[in-house]
Each structure stands twice: as C-alpha cells, then as structure tokens.
Amino acid sequence: MRIYFTAICGLTLLLGIVSVARATTKGLNQIVTPDIQPAGLLSVSAQVQDSRIGNSQQLQFELGLTRWAELSLFQGFRPREEVFGAELGLVQQGPHLLAAGAVNWSSRGGGTQPILEYGYYAANDHFMAGAIYAGRRTEGILGYSHQLTDKLLLAVDYQSGPGNAVSLGFTYDITPDLQLNPAVYFANTHPHHAMAYVVLTWNLALWR
C-alpha cells in the first residue's frame, strides 16, 4: 500500500511540471466506455458520491499508455481502498469501437471484473453496449451520450443487476482542460433511491 500511495503522490507532483492537454468531454457517469485514453494523457479526478454508490471520497488517475491501452487507479478514502483497472482497444477505427478490459480490482478483496464492450461513435451521438462479469454473474451495460454543444455532453447509462443503477448526468467543460460531471443514480432494486455523484477532472499531457 505504501508503494501505491507513493505512486499517487508522484503523479500529483507532476501536475506542476507537465503541459496541459486540450481535451474534450468524454466518458459516461458510471460505465466503462470503449474509447481509449489518448497516449500520454493523464486525467486526474476528485470524486464525491453517495456511499451507496461506492467509496464516498476518492481520487482517480487514468493514463493512456498507447493508442490502444490505458490504465486506471482509484484511491478511495472512505473507506481506504485502492482500485485498479486496465483496458485494451481491440478496434479503434471509424465509428465502430470494441474494447476489452478488467476493472474493479480492489485492495479490499474481490476478484477482477472482466468487461467486453462495443461502441458506435457518430459525430455527436455515442452508443455503447456490452457485458461485465461481476459477483459470479454476467451483467449488461448500456450507454448513450449526446454532444449538445462544444462544452456540454449529456449522458445516460445503465448496468443491470442488484446493487447497480441507471444514471443521468452531464459533463461540462469549464475550460478545455477542466471538466465537471454531476449525475444522479437511481437504484435498480426497490426502494429506488436517488443518489448524487459529482467528479471534477483535470486533463494533462505527460508526453506527446
């Protein structure tokens, strides 16, 4: 755990010395998306959410290694937890995307969750569908986003199974490099609680 914490501190210190990337809105509220983080681009996020969704306070680091591979690290604080993930872009050309990966490998136990996802990315509308193996069962994932303006992305996504939810939210580019993504989750199972989520993301280029 000390190694993981040291790595996080090192990444944070890099914020003062790397060049700032020109990024657009990307991603959805809760599900993994099939597009791969651009190589050399580091996204650093601070997230606060209802504890019924997951770790209530956490930092996120997502780094594109190549044009077809990315890694992610989530550092939770309530409770203390490290969560790792990786994704490979099997198809990343044209409007058709296909990606496979493993997510939610937690330092608090529990197995890695394999995921396979297809996406159709038109100019302003992105459609996603796939499956994730979690808790000894296969769950479906669906997502849709619409680029309403250059700065505003609307998104809805869904993961089947108990303990999961459908979510509605948006991502707003405060600047080309700083994004705000609030959302509301509605639990799949009764009672259908409404749960709040918000994440602030800064995108930086470590290399080009």
N, C-alpha and C. Protein backbone atom coordinates (compact mmCIF):
# COMPACT_ATOMS: atom_id res chain seq x y z
N MET A 1 0.82 -1.21 0.00
CA MET A 1 0.00 0.00 0.00
C MET A 1 0.86 1.27 0.00
N ARG A 2 2.03 1.20 0.65
CA ARG A 2 2.92 2.37 0.64
C ARG A 2 3.40 2.67 -0.77
N ILE A 3 3.64 1.62 -1.55
CA ILE A 3 4.08 1.82 -2.93
C ILE A 3 3.00 2.53 -3.73
N TYR A 4 1.75 2.09 -3.56
CA TYR A 4 0.64 2.71 -4.28
C TYR A 4 0.51 4.18 -3.89
N PHE A 5 0.62 4.47 -2.58
CA PHE A 5 0.47 5.84 -2.12
C PHE A 5 1.59 6.72 -2.67
N THR A 6 2.82 6.17 -2.69
CA THR A 6 3.95 6.92 -3.25
C THR A 6 3.74 7.23 -4.72
N ALA A 7 3.18 6.24 -5.46
CA ALA A 7 2.92 6.47 -6.88
C ALA A 7 1.91 7.57 -7.08
N ILE A 8 0.87 7.60 -6.23
CA ILE A 8 -0.15 8.64 -6.34
C ILE A 8 0.46 10.02 -6.06
N CYS A 9 1.28 10.09 -5.03
CA CYS A 9 1.91 11.38 -4.71
C CYS A 9 2.79 11.85 -5.86
N GLY A 10 3.52 10.90 -6.47
CA GLY A 10 4.36 11.27 -7.59
C GLY A 10 3.57 11.80 -8.76
N LEU A 11 2.45 11.18 -9.07
CA LEU A 11 1.60 11.66 -10.15
C LEU A 11 1.05 13.05 -9.84
N THR A 12 0.70 13.25 -8.60
CA THR A 12 0.16 14.55 -8.21
C THR A 12 1.21 15.65 -8.36
N LEU A 13 2.45 15.36 -7.99
CA LEU A 13 3.52 16.35 -8.13
C LEU A 13 3.78 16.70 -9.58
N LEU A 14 3.52 15.77 -10.48
CA LEU A 14 3.72 16.04 -11.90
C LEU A 14 2.79 17.12 -12.43
N LEU A 15 1.71 17.38 -11.73
CA LEU A 15 0.74 18.36 -12.21
C LEU A 15 1.38 19.73 -12.40
N GLY A 16 2.40 20.01 -11.61
CA GLY A 16 3.01 21.33 -11.71
C GLY A 16 4.04 21.46 -12.82
N ILE A 17 4.44 20.31 -13.46
CA ILE A 17 5.52 20.40 -14.42
C ILE A 17 5.15 19.91 -15.81
N VAL A 18 3.98 19.28 -15.97
CA VAL A 18 3.61 18.80 -17.30
C VAL A 18 2.82 19.85 -18.03
N SER A 19 2.78 19.72 -19.37
CA SER A 19 1.98 20.65 -20.16
C SER A 19 0.52 20.27 -20.11
N VAL A 20 -0.36 21.22 -20.28
CA VAL A 20 -1.80 20.98 -20.18
C VAL A 20 -2.32 20.50 -21.52
N ALA A 21 -3.18 19.46 -21.48
CA ALA A 21 -3.72 18.88 -22.71
C ALA A 21 -4.98 19.61 -23.14
N ARG A 22 -5.28 19.52 -24.44
CA ARG A 22 -6.53 20.05 -24.96
C ARG A 22 -7.49 18.88 -25.08
N ALA A 23 -8.40 18.75 -24.16
CA ALA A 23 -9.28 17.59 -24.12
C ALA A 23 -10.73 18.01 -24.30
N THR A 24 -11.52 17.10 -24.86
CA THR A 24 -12.95 17.34 -24.97
C THR A 24 -13.68 16.45 -23.98
N THR A 25 -14.98 16.67 -23.84
CA THR A 25 -15.75 15.84 -22.93
C THR A 25 -15.71 14.40 -23.38
N LYS A 26 -15.65 13.49 -22.43
CA LYS A 26 -15.59 12.07 -22.75
C LYS A 26 -16.14 11.29 -21.57
N GLY A 27 -16.48 10.03 -21.82
CA GLY A 27 -16.90 9.16 -20.74
C GLY A 27 -18.35 9.36 -20.34
N LEU A 28 -18.85 8.41 -19.56
CA LEU A 28 -20.20 8.47 -19.04
C LEU A 28 -20.16 8.55 -17.53
N ASN A 29 -21.31 8.37 -16.90
CA ASN A 29 -21.39 8.57 -15.46
C ASN A 29 -20.88 7.38 -14.66
N GLN A 30 -21.23 6.16 -15.10
CA GLN A 30 -20.87 5.00 -14.28
C GLN A 30 -20.20 3.87 -15.03
N ILE A 31 -20.45 3.70 -16.32
CA ILE A 31 -19.90 2.54 -17.01
C ILE A 31 -18.59 2.88 -17.72
N VAL A 32 -17.77 1.85 -17.91
CA VAL A 32 -16.56 1.99 -18.71
C VAL A 32 -16.97 2.23 -20.17
N THR A 33 -16.21 3.07 -20.88
CA THR A 33 -16.51 3.32 -22.28
C THR A 33 -15.44 2.68 -23.16
N PRO A 34 -15.76 2.34 -24.43
CA PRO A 34 -14.81 1.60 -25.27
C PRO A 34 -13.73 2.45 -25.93
N ASP A 35 -13.78 3.79 -25.78
CA ASP A 35 -12.73 4.63 -26.34
C ASP A 35 -11.54 4.64 -25.38
N ILE A 36 -10.34 4.61 -25.94
CA ILE A 36 -9.12 4.53 -25.14
C ILE A 36 -8.56 5.93 -24.92
N GLN A 37 -8.09 6.19 -23.70
CA GLN A 37 -7.45 7.46 -23.36
C GLN A 37 -6.27 7.70 -24.31
N PRO A 38 -6.15 8.90 -24.91
CA PRO A 38 -5.01 9.19 -25.79
C PRO A 38 -3.68 8.95 -25.11
N ALA A 39 -2.71 8.44 -25.84
CA ALA A 39 -1.40 8.13 -25.28
C ALA A 39 -0.75 9.37 -24.68
N GLY A 40 -0.28 9.24 -23.45
CA GLY A 40 0.37 10.34 -22.76
C GLY A 40 -0.56 11.26 -22.01
N LEU A 41 -1.86 11.07 -22.15
CA LEU A 41 -2.82 11.95 -21.48
C LEU A 41 -3.18 11.38 -20.11
N LEU A 42 -2.98 12.17 -19.08
CA LEU A 42 -3.33 11.80 -17.71
C LEU A 42 -4.54 12.60 -17.27
N SER A 43 -5.58 11.90 -16.84
CA SER A 43 -6.76 12.54 -16.26
C SER A 43 -6.71 12.33 -14.75
N VAL A 44 -6.76 13.43 -14.01
CA VAL A 44 -6.76 13.40 -12.55
C VAL A 44 -8.10 13.92 -12.07
N SER A 45 -8.82 13.11 -11.30
CA SER A 45 -10.19 13.46 -10.91
C SER A 45 -10.36 13.38 -9.40
N ALA A 46 -11.18 14.29 -8.88
CA ALA A 46 -11.63 14.24 -7.49
C ALA A 46 -13.12 13.95 -7.52
N GLN A 47 -13.54 12.91 -6.79
CA GLN A 47 -14.92 12.44 -6.86
C GLN A 47 -15.54 12.35 -5.47
N VAL A 48 -16.77 12.82 -5.37
CA VAL A 48 -17.57 12.70 -4.15
C VAL A 48 -18.91 12.10 -4.56
N GLN A 49 -19.39 11.10 -3.81
CA GLN A 49 -20.63 10.45 -4.19
C GLN A 49 -21.31 9.85 -2.97
N ASP A 50 -22.59 9.52 -3.13
CA ASP A 50 -23.34 8.83 -2.10
C ASP A 50 -22.65 7.51 -1.78
N SER A 51 -22.52 7.17 -0.51
CA SER A 51 -21.81 5.96 -0.11
C SER A 51 -22.49 4.70 -0.61
N ARG A 52 -23.77 4.79 -1.00
CA ARG A 52 -24.46 3.63 -1.55
C ARG A 52 -24.00 3.32 -2.98
N ILE A 53 -23.38 4.29 -3.65
CA ILE A 53 -22.82 4.06 -4.97
C ILE A 53 -21.48 3.35 -4.87
N GLY A 54 -20.65 3.80 -3.94
CA GLY A 54 -19.31 3.25 -3.77
C GLY A 54 -18.54 4.10 -2.78
N ASN A 55 -17.22 4.08 -2.88
CA ASN A 55 -16.37 4.86 -2.00
C ASN A 55 -16.77 6.33 -2.07
N SER A 56 -17.11 6.92 -0.95
CA SER A 56 -17.73 8.25 -0.96
C SER A 56 -16.77 9.37 -1.34
N GLN A 57 -15.46 9.17 -1.13
CA GLN A 57 -14.47 10.18 -1.48
C GLN A 57 -13.27 9.47 -2.11
N GLN A 58 -12.88 9.91 -3.32
CA GLN A 58 -11.77 9.24 -3.96
C GLN A 58 -11.09 10.14 -5.00
N LEU A 59 -9.85 9.81 -5.28
CA LEU A 59 -9.11 10.39 -6.39
C LEU A 59 -9.00 9.32 -7.48
N GLN A 60 -9.00 9.77 -8.75
CA GLN A 60 -8.89 8.85 -9.87
C GLN A 60 -7.73 9.30 -10.76
N PHE A 61 -7.00 8.33 -11.28
CA PHE A 61 -5.93 8.58 -12.23
C PHE A 61 -6.14 7.66 -13.42
N GLU A 62 -6.24 8.22 -14.60
CA GLU A 62 -6.41 7.44 -15.82
C GLU A 62 -5.36 7.89 -16.82
N LEU A 63 -4.55 6.94 -17.31
CA LEU A 63 -3.42 7.28 -18.17
C LEU A 63 -3.45 6.44 -19.44
N GLY A 64 -3.38 7.11 -20.59
CA GLY A 64 -3.24 6.41 -21.86
C GLY A 64 -1.79 6.02 -22.09
N LEU A 65 -1.51 4.73 -22.21
CA LEU A 65 -0.15 4.25 -22.43
C LEU A 65 0.22 4.27 -23.91
N THR A 66 -0.69 3.76 -24.73
CA THR A 66 -0.54 3.78 -26.18
C THR A 66 -1.91 4.12 -26.75
N ARG A 67 -2.04 4.14 -28.07
CA ARG A 67 -3.34 4.44 -28.66
C ARG A 67 -4.33 3.30 -28.47
N TRP A 68 -3.87 2.15 -27.95
CA TRP A 68 -4.78 1.02 -27.74
C TRP A 68 -4.77 0.48 -26.32
N ALA A 69 -4.12 1.15 -25.37
CA ALA A 69 -4.06 0.64 -24.00
C ALA A 69 -4.08 1.77 -22.98
N GLU A 70 -4.82 1.57 -21.89
CA GLU A 70 -4.87 2.54 -20.80
C GLU A 70 -4.92 1.83 -19.46
N LEU A 71 -4.47 2.54 -18.42
CA LEU A 71 -4.52 2.06 -17.05
C LEU A 71 -5.25 3.06 -16.18
N SER A 72 -5.88 2.56 -15.11
CA SER A 72 -6.56 3.47 -14.18
C SER A 72 -6.28 3.04 -12.74
N LEU A 73 -6.27 4.03 -11.85
CA LEU A 73 -6.10 3.81 -10.41
C LEU A 73 -7.08 4.71 -9.68
N PHE A 74 -7.83 4.11 -8.76
CA PHE A 74 -8.75 4.85 -7.91
C PHE A 74 -8.25 4.74 -6.48
N GLN A 75 -8.03 5.88 -5.84
CA GLN A 75 -7.61 5.90 -4.45
C GLN A 75 -8.78 6.37 -3.60
N GLY A 76 -9.38 5.43 -2.88
CA GLY A 76 -10.51 5.76 -2.01
C GLY A 76 -10.06 6.14 -0.62
N PHE A 77 -10.84 7.00 0.03
CA PHE A 77 -10.51 7.47 1.37
C PHE A 77 -11.56 7.10 2.41
N ARG A 78 -12.80 6.86 1.97
CA ARG A 78 -13.88 6.48 2.88
C ARG A 78 -14.67 5.31 2.30
N PRO A 79 -14.20 4.07 2.52
CA PRO A 79 -13.05 3.63 3.31
C PRO A 79 -11.76 3.70 2.50
N ARG A 80 -10.63 3.43 3.15
CA ARG A 80 -9.33 3.40 2.48
C ARG A 80 -9.32 2.21 1.52
N GLU A 81 -9.02 2.47 0.24
CA GLU A 81 -9.10 1.42 -0.77
C GLU A 81 -8.36 1.87 -2.03
N GLU A 82 -7.68 0.93 -2.68
CA GLU A 82 -7.09 1.17 -3.99
C GLU A 82 -7.78 0.24 -4.98
N VAL A 83 -8.18 0.79 -6.13
CA VAL A 83 -8.87 0.00 -7.15
C VAL A 83 -8.15 0.22 -8.48
N PHE A 84 -7.85 -0.89 -9.17
CA PHE A 84 -7.09 -0.82 -10.41
C PHE A 84 -7.94 -1.30 -11.58
N GLY A 85 -7.59 -0.82 -12.76
CA GLY A 85 -8.26 -1.26 -13.97
C GLY A 85 -7.37 -1.09 -15.18
N ALA A 86 -7.68 -1.83 -16.24
CA ALA A 86 -6.93 -1.73 -17.50
C ALA A 86 -7.88 -2.02 -18.64
N GLU A 87 -7.64 -1.38 -19.78
CA GLU A 87 -8.50 -1.58 -20.94
C GLU A 87 -7.66 -1.59 -22.22
N LEU A 88 -8.03 -2.48 -23.14
CA LEU A 88 -7.37 -2.59 -24.44
C LEU A 88 -8.38 -2.29 -25.54
N GLY A 89 -7.98 -1.45 -26.49
CA GLY A 89 -8.83 -1.14 -27.63
C GLY A 89 -8.59 -2.14 -28.74
N LEU A 90 -9.52 -3.09 -28.93
CA LEU A 90 -9.37 -4.10 -29.96
C LEU A 90 -9.66 -3.53 -31.34
N VAL A 91 -10.64 -2.63 -31.40
CA VAL A 91 -10.98 -1.90 -32.63
C VAL A 91 -11.14 -0.44 -32.24
N GLN A 92 -10.40 0.45 -32.89
CA GLN A 92 -10.45 1.87 -32.54
C GLN A 92 -10.47 2.74 -33.79
N GLN A 93 -11.05 2.24 -34.88
CA GLN A 93 -11.08 2.99 -36.13
C GLN A 93 -12.52 3.21 -36.59
N GLY A 94 -12.75 4.39 -37.21
CA GLY A 94 -14.08 4.68 -37.73
C GLY A 94 -15.08 4.82 -36.60
N PRO A 95 -16.35 4.69 -36.92
CA PRO A 95 -17.37 4.84 -35.87
C PRO A 95 -17.47 3.62 -34.97
N HIS A 96 -16.88 2.49 -35.37
CA HIS A 96 -17.01 1.26 -34.59
C HIS A 96 -15.84 1.08 -33.64
N LEU A 97 -16.16 0.84 -32.36
CA LEU A 97 -15.14 0.62 -31.33
C LEU A 97 -15.43 -0.70 -30.62
N LEU A 98 -14.38 -1.39 -30.24
CA LEU A 98 -14.51 -2.61 -29.45
C LEU A 98 -13.35 -2.65 -28.47
N ALA A 99 -13.69 -2.86 -27.20
CA ALA A 99 -12.66 -2.85 -26.16
C ALA A 99 -12.91 -3.97 -25.17
N ALA A 100 -11.83 -4.46 -24.59
CA ALA A 100 -11.90 -5.46 -23.53
C ALA A 100 -11.00 -5.02 -22.40
N GLY A 101 -11.35 -5.41 -21.19
CA GLY A 101 -10.53 -5.00 -20.07
C GLY A 101 -10.87 -5.74 -18.80
N ALA A 102 -10.25 -5.29 -17.72
CA ALA A 102 -10.51 -5.82 -16.39
C ALA A 102 -10.55 -4.64 -15.44
N VAL A 103 -11.62 -4.53 -14.65
CA VAL A 103 -11.83 -3.37 -13.79
C VAL A 103 -12.15 -3.82 -12.37
N ASN A 104 -12.12 -2.85 -11.46
CA ASN A 104 -12.57 -3.04 -10.07
C ASN A 104 -11.76 -4.09 -9.31
N TRP A 105 -10.43 -4.13 -9.58
CA TRP A 105 -9.54 -4.98 -8.80
C TRP A 105 -9.19 -4.20 -7.53
N SER A 106 -9.83 -4.57 -6.41
CA SER A 106 -9.75 -3.77 -5.18
C SER A 106 -8.76 -4.35 -4.19
N SER A 107 -8.08 -3.45 -3.48
CA SER A 107 -7.18 -3.86 -2.41
C SER A 107 -7.94 -4.40 -1.21
N ARG A 108 -9.25 -4.23 -1.16
CA ARG A 108 -10.07 -4.73 -0.07
C ARG A 108 -10.64 -6.12 -0.37
N GLY A 109 -10.20 -6.71 -1.48
CA GLY A 109 -10.65 -8.05 -1.81
C GLY A 109 -11.66 -8.04 -2.94
N GLY A 110 -12.02 -9.23 -3.40
CA GLY A 110 -12.92 -9.34 -4.53
C GLY A 110 -12.14 -9.47 -5.81
N GLY A 111 -12.65 -10.27 -6.72
CA GLY A 111 -11.94 -10.53 -7.95
C GLY A 111 -12.06 -9.42 -8.97
N THR A 112 -11.15 -9.45 -9.93
CA THR A 112 -11.20 -8.53 -11.06
C THR A 112 -12.43 -8.84 -11.90
N GLN A 113 -13.04 -7.80 -12.47
CA GLN A 113 -14.25 -7.96 -13.27
C GLN A 113 -13.93 -7.76 -14.75
N PRO A 114 -13.93 -8.84 -15.54
CA PRO A 114 -13.68 -8.71 -16.98
C PRO A 114 -14.84 -7.98 -17.67
N ILE A 115 -14.52 -7.24 -18.73
CA ILE A 115 -15.54 -6.48 -19.44
C ILE A 115 -15.26 -6.52 -20.94
N LEU A 116 -16.32 -6.58 -21.72
CA LEU A 116 -16.24 -6.50 -23.18
C LEU A 116 -17.32 -5.54 -23.64
N GLU A 117 -16.95 -4.56 -24.49
CA GLU A 117 -17.91 -3.52 -24.84
C GLU A 117 -17.73 -3.04 -26.28
N TYR A 118 -18.85 -2.83 -26.92
CA TYR A 118 -18.89 -2.29 -28.29
C TYR A 118 -19.45 -0.87 -28.24
N GLY A 119 -18.93 -0.02 -29.12
CA GLY A 119 -19.45 1.34 -29.21
C GLY A 119 -19.60 1.77 -30.65
N TYR A 120 -20.65 2.53 -30.91
CA TYR A 120 -20.83 3.17 -32.21
C TYR A 120 -20.78 4.67 -31.97
N TYR A 121 -19.72 5.32 -32.46
CA TYR A 121 -19.47 6.72 -32.20
C TYR A 121 -19.71 7.54 -33.46
N ALA A 122 -20.90 8.14 -33.54
CA ALA A 122 -21.20 9.09 -34.61
C ALA A 122 -20.65 10.46 -34.21
N ALA A 123 -20.90 11.47 -35.03
CA ALA A 123 -20.32 12.79 -34.79
C ALA A 123 -20.70 13.34 -33.42
N ASN A 124 -21.98 13.33 -33.08
CA ASN A 124 -22.45 13.91 -31.82
C ASN A 124 -23.14 12.91 -30.91
N ASP A 125 -23.35 11.69 -31.37
CA ASP A 125 -24.07 10.69 -30.60
C ASP A 125 -23.23 9.42 -30.47
N HIS A 126 -23.08 8.94 -29.24
CA HIS A 126 -22.30 7.75 -28.96
C HIS A 126 -23.21 6.70 -28.31
N PHE A 127 -23.20 5.49 -28.86
CA PHE A 127 -23.99 4.39 -28.33
C PHE A 127 -23.05 3.29 -27.87
N MET A 128 -23.31 2.71 -26.70
CA MET A 128 -22.46 1.68 -26.13
C MET A 128 -23.28 0.53 -25.58
N ALA A 129 -22.78 -0.70 -25.74
CA ALA A 129 -23.43 -1.88 -25.18
C ALA A 129 -22.37 -2.93 -24.93
N GLY A 130 -22.54 -3.69 -23.86
CA GLY A 130 -21.56 -4.72 -23.56
C GLY A 130 -21.97 -5.53 -22.35
N ALA A 131 -20.99 -6.23 -21.79
CA ALA A 131 -21.24 -7.10 -20.64
C ALA A 131 -20.04 -7.06 -19.72
N ILE A 132 -20.31 -7.23 -18.43
CA ILE A 132 -19.28 -7.29 -17.41
C ILE A 132 -19.58 -8.48 -16.51
N TYR A 133 -18.54 -9.19 -16.11
CA TYR A 133 -18.72 -10.34 -15.22
C TYR A 133 -18.37 -9.89 -13.81
N ALA A 134 -19.39 -9.79 -12.95
CA ALA A 134 -19.20 -9.26 -11.60
C ALA A 134 -20.04 -10.07 -10.62
N GLY A 135 -19.45 -10.40 -9.48
CA GLY A 135 -20.19 -11.13 -8.46
C GLY A 135 -20.71 -12.47 -8.94
N ARG A 136 -19.93 -13.18 -9.75
CA ARG A 136 -20.27 -14.51 -10.26
C ARG A 136 -21.50 -14.49 -11.17
N ARG A 137 -21.74 -13.35 -11.82
CA ARG A 137 -22.83 -13.27 -12.79
C ARG A 137 -22.43 -12.29 -13.88
N THR A 138 -23.05 -12.46 -15.04
CA THR A 138 -22.82 -11.56 -16.15
C THR A 138 -23.90 -10.49 -16.15
N GLU A 139 -23.47 -9.22 -16.19
CA GLU A 139 -24.40 -8.10 -16.17
C GLU A 139 -24.26 -7.29 -17.45
N GLY A 140 -25.39 -6.79 -17.94
CA GLY A 140 -25.37 -5.97 -19.15
C GLY A 140 -25.08 -4.53 -18.83
N ILE A 141 -24.43 -3.85 -19.77
CA ILE A 141 -24.19 -2.41 -19.65
C ILE A 141 -24.63 -1.73 -20.94
N LEU A 142 -25.27 -0.59 -20.77
CA LEU A 142 -25.76 0.21 -21.89
C LEU A 142 -25.43 1.67 -21.62
N GLY A 143 -25.14 2.42 -22.68
CA GLY A 143 -24.86 3.83 -22.51
C GLY A 143 -25.17 4.64 -23.76
N TYR A 144 -25.48 5.90 -23.54
CA TYR A 144 -25.72 6.82 -24.65
C TYR A 144 -25.30 8.22 -24.22
N SER A 145 -24.63 8.93 -25.12
CA SER A 145 -24.29 10.32 -24.85
C SER A 145 -24.53 11.16 -26.09
N HIS A 146 -24.84 12.42 -25.85
CA HIS A 146 -25.09 13.37 -26.94
C HIS A 146 -24.32 14.65 -26.67
N GLN A 147 -23.50 15.06 -27.63
CA GLN A 147 -22.74 16.30 -27.52
C GLN A 147 -23.66 17.45 -27.91
N LEU A 148 -24.24 18.09 -26.90
CA LEU A 148 -25.23 19.14 -27.15
C LEU A 148 -24.59 20.40 -27.69
N THR A 149 -23.47 20.80 -27.08
CA THR A 149 -22.67 21.94 -27.55
C THR A 149 -21.20 21.54 -27.47
N ASP A 150 -20.30 22.45 -27.85
CA ASP A 150 -18.88 22.16 -27.74
C ASP A 150 -18.46 21.90 -26.30
N LYS A 151 -19.19 22.46 -25.35
CA LYS A 151 -18.82 22.35 -23.94
C LYS A 151 -19.68 21.38 -23.15
N LEU A 152 -20.84 20.98 -23.67
CA LEU A 152 -21.80 20.23 -22.86
C LEU A 152 -22.12 18.88 -23.48
N LEU A 153 -21.90 17.82 -22.70
CA LEU A 153 -22.20 16.45 -23.09
C LEU A 153 -23.27 15.90 -22.15
N LEU A 154 -24.39 15.42 -22.70
CA LEU A 154 -25.44 14.79 -21.91
C LEU A 154 -25.26 13.29 -21.97
N ALA A 155 -25.51 12.58 -20.85
CA ALA A 155 -25.24 11.15 -20.82
C ALA A 155 -26.25 10.41 -19.95
N VAL A 156 -26.58 9.19 -20.39
CA VAL A 156 -27.38 8.26 -19.60
C VAL A 156 -26.74 6.89 -19.75
N ASP A 157 -26.64 6.14 -18.65
CA ASP A 157 -26.10 4.79 -18.74
C ASP A 157 -26.75 3.89 -17.70
N TYR A 158 -26.53 2.57 -17.90
CA TYR A 158 -27.23 1.58 -17.09
C TYR A 158 -26.37 0.34 -16.95
N GLN A 159 -26.37 -0.24 -15.75
CA GLN A 159 -25.77 -1.56 -15.53
C GLN A 159 -26.79 -2.41 -14.82
N SER A 160 -27.06 -3.60 -15.35
CA SER A 160 -28.08 -4.47 -14.78
C SER A 160 -27.57 -5.11 -13.49
N GLY A 161 -28.47 -5.74 -12.79
CA GLY A 161 -28.10 -6.46 -11.59
C GLY A 161 -28.37 -5.69 -10.31
N PRO A 162 -28.56 -6.42 -9.20
CA PRO A 162 -28.79 -5.76 -7.90
C PRO A 162 -27.57 -4.98 -7.47
N GLY A 163 -27.81 -3.85 -6.82
CA GLY A 163 -26.72 -3.01 -6.38
C GLY A 163 -26.23 -2.04 -7.43
N ASN A 164 -26.77 -2.14 -8.64
CA ASN A 164 -26.39 -1.22 -9.72
C ASN A 164 -27.51 -0.23 -9.99
N ALA A 165 -27.38 0.55 -11.08
CA ALA A 165 -28.30 1.67 -11.24
C ALA A 165 -28.39 2.12 -12.68
N VAL A 166 -29.35 2.99 -12.93
CA VAL A 166 -29.38 3.79 -14.15
C VAL A 166 -29.01 5.21 -13.73
N SER A 167 -28.25 5.92 -14.54
CA SER A 167 -27.81 7.26 -14.14
C SER A 167 -28.04 8.26 -15.25
N LEU A 168 -28.30 9.49 -14.84
CA LEU A 168 -28.49 10.61 -15.74
C LEU A 168 -27.54 11.72 -15.31
N GLY A 169 -26.83 12.31 -16.26
CA GLY A 169 -25.91 13.37 -15.89
C GLY A 169 -25.38 14.11 -17.09
N PHE A 170 -24.43 14.98 -16.85
CA PHE A 170 -23.81 15.73 -17.94
C PHE A 170 -22.36 16.01 -17.59
N THR A 171 -21.55 16.28 -18.62
CA THR A 171 -20.18 16.73 -18.44
C THR A 171 -20.05 18.10 -19.08
N TYR A 172 -19.53 19.05 -18.31
CA TYR A 172 -19.37 20.42 -18.80
C TYR A 172 -17.90 20.81 -18.77
N ASP A 173 -17.41 21.32 -19.90
CA ASP A 173 -16.03 21.80 -19.99
C ASP A 173 -15.94 23.21 -19.42
N ILE A 174 -15.46 23.33 -18.20
CA ILE A 174 -15.24 24.65 -17.59
C ILE A 174 -14.17 25.39 -18.38
N THR A 175 -13.11 24.70 -18.70
CA THR A 175 -12.09 25.13 -19.66
C THR A 175 -11.84 23.93 -20.56
N PRO A 176 -11.03 24.07 -21.61
CA PRO A 176 -10.74 22.89 -22.44
C PRO A 176 -10.05 21.76 -21.67
N ASP A 177 -9.52 22.05 -20.48
CA ASP A 177 -8.75 21.07 -19.72
C ASP A 177 -9.39 20.68 -18.40
N LEU A 178 -10.44 21.37 -18.00
CA LEU A 178 -11.08 21.14 -16.69
C LEU A 178 -12.56 20.85 -16.91
N GLN A 179 -13.02 19.69 -16.40
CA GLN A 179 -14.38 19.23 -16.65
C GLN A 179 -15.11 18.94 -15.35
N LEU A 180 -16.42 19.22 -15.36
CA LEU A 180 -17.28 18.91 -14.22
C LEU A 180 -18.36 17.95 -14.68
N ASN A 181 -18.54 16.86 -13.91
CA ASN A 181 -19.52 15.83 -14.28
C ASN A 181 -20.39 15.47 -13.07
N PRO A 182 -21.56 16.13 -12.92
CA PRO A 182 -22.52 15.72 -11.90
C PRO A 182 -23.53 14.73 -12.50
N ALA A 183 -24.08 13.87 -11.65
CA ALA A 183 -25.06 12.89 -12.12
C ALA A 183 -25.93 12.45 -10.95
N VAL A 184 -27.06 11.85 -11.30
CA VAL A 184 -27.96 11.24 -10.31
C VAL A 184 -28.14 9.78 -10.68
N TYR A 185 -27.94 8.90 -9.71
CA TYR A 185 -28.13 7.47 -9.88
C TYR A 185 -29.49 7.07 -9.31
N PHE A 186 -30.18 6.15 -9.99
CA PHE A 186 -31.42 5.59 -9.49
C PHE A 186 -31.24 4.08 -9.38
N ALA A 187 -31.32 3.55 -8.15
CA ALA A 187 -31.03 2.15 -7.91
C ALA A 187 -31.98 1.24 -8.67
N ASN A 188 -31.45 0.11 -9.15
CA ASN A 188 -32.27 -0.85 -9.89
C ASN A 188 -33.32 -1.51 -9.03
N THR A 189 -32.96 -1.79 -7.79
CA THR A 189 -33.84 -2.55 -6.91
C THR A 189 -34.60 -1.64 -5.95
N HIS A 190 -35.72 -2.14 -5.47
CA HIS A 190 -36.58 -1.38 -4.54
C HIS A 190 -35.93 -1.31 -3.15
N PRO A 191 -35.98 -0.16 -2.45
CA PRO A 191 -36.51 1.12 -2.92
C PRO A 191 -35.54 1.79 -3.89
N HIS A 192 -36.07 2.46 -4.89
CA HIS A 192 -35.25 3.04 -5.96
C HIS A 192 -34.69 4.40 -5.53
N HIS A 193 -33.68 4.34 -4.65
CA HIS A 193 -33.09 5.56 -4.11
C HIS A 193 -32.48 6.40 -5.23
N ALA A 194 -32.57 7.72 -5.08
CA ALA A 194 -31.85 8.66 -5.92
C ALA A 194 -30.56 9.03 -5.19
N MET A 195 -29.43 8.88 -5.86
CA MET A 195 -28.13 9.08 -5.22
C MET A 195 -27.29 10.04 -6.04
N ALA A 196 -26.64 10.98 -5.38
CA ALA A 196 -25.89 12.03 -6.07
C ALA A 196 -24.42 11.64 -6.26
N TYR A 197 -23.83 12.22 -7.31
CA TYR A 197 -22.44 11.94 -7.68
C TYR A 197 -21.90 13.18 -8.38
N VAL A 198 -20.65 13.54 -8.10
CA VAL A 198 -20.02 14.65 -8.83
C VAL A 198 -18.52 14.40 -8.90
N VAL A 199 -17.93 14.68 -10.06
CA VAL A 199 -16.50 14.50 -10.25
C VAL A 199 -15.94 15.68 -11.03
N LEU A 200 -14.77 16.14 -10.61
CA LEU A 200 -14.06 17.24 -11.26
C LEU A 200 -12.76 16.67 -11.83
N THR A 201 -12.53 16.86 -13.13
CA THR A 201 -11.40 16.23 -13.82
C THR A 201 -10.50 17.26 -14.48
N TRP A 202 -9.20 17.06 -14.29
CA TRP A 202 -8.19 17.89 -14.94
C TRP A 202 -7.38 16.99 -15.86
N ASN A 203 -7.26 17.38 -17.14
CA ASN A 203 -6.54 16.58 -18.13
C ASN A 203 -5.20 17.23 -18.45
N LEU A 204 -4.14 16.42 -18.41
CA LEU A 204 -2.79 16.93 -18.63
C LEU A 204 -2.03 15.98 -19.53
N ALA A 205 -1.15 16.55 -20.36
CA ALA A 205 -0.32 15.75 -21.26
C ALA A 205 1.04 15.51 -20.63
N LEU A 206 1.35 14.24 -20.31
CA LEU A 206 2.65 13.89 -19.78
C LEU A 206 3.68 13.76 -20.89
N TRP A 207 3.23 13.29 -22.05
CA TRP A 207 4.09 13.24 -23.23
C TRP A 207 3.21 13.32 -24.46
N ARG A 208 3.80 13.60 -25.60
CA ARG A 208 3.07 13.73 -26.85
C ARG A 208 3.66 12.80 -27.90
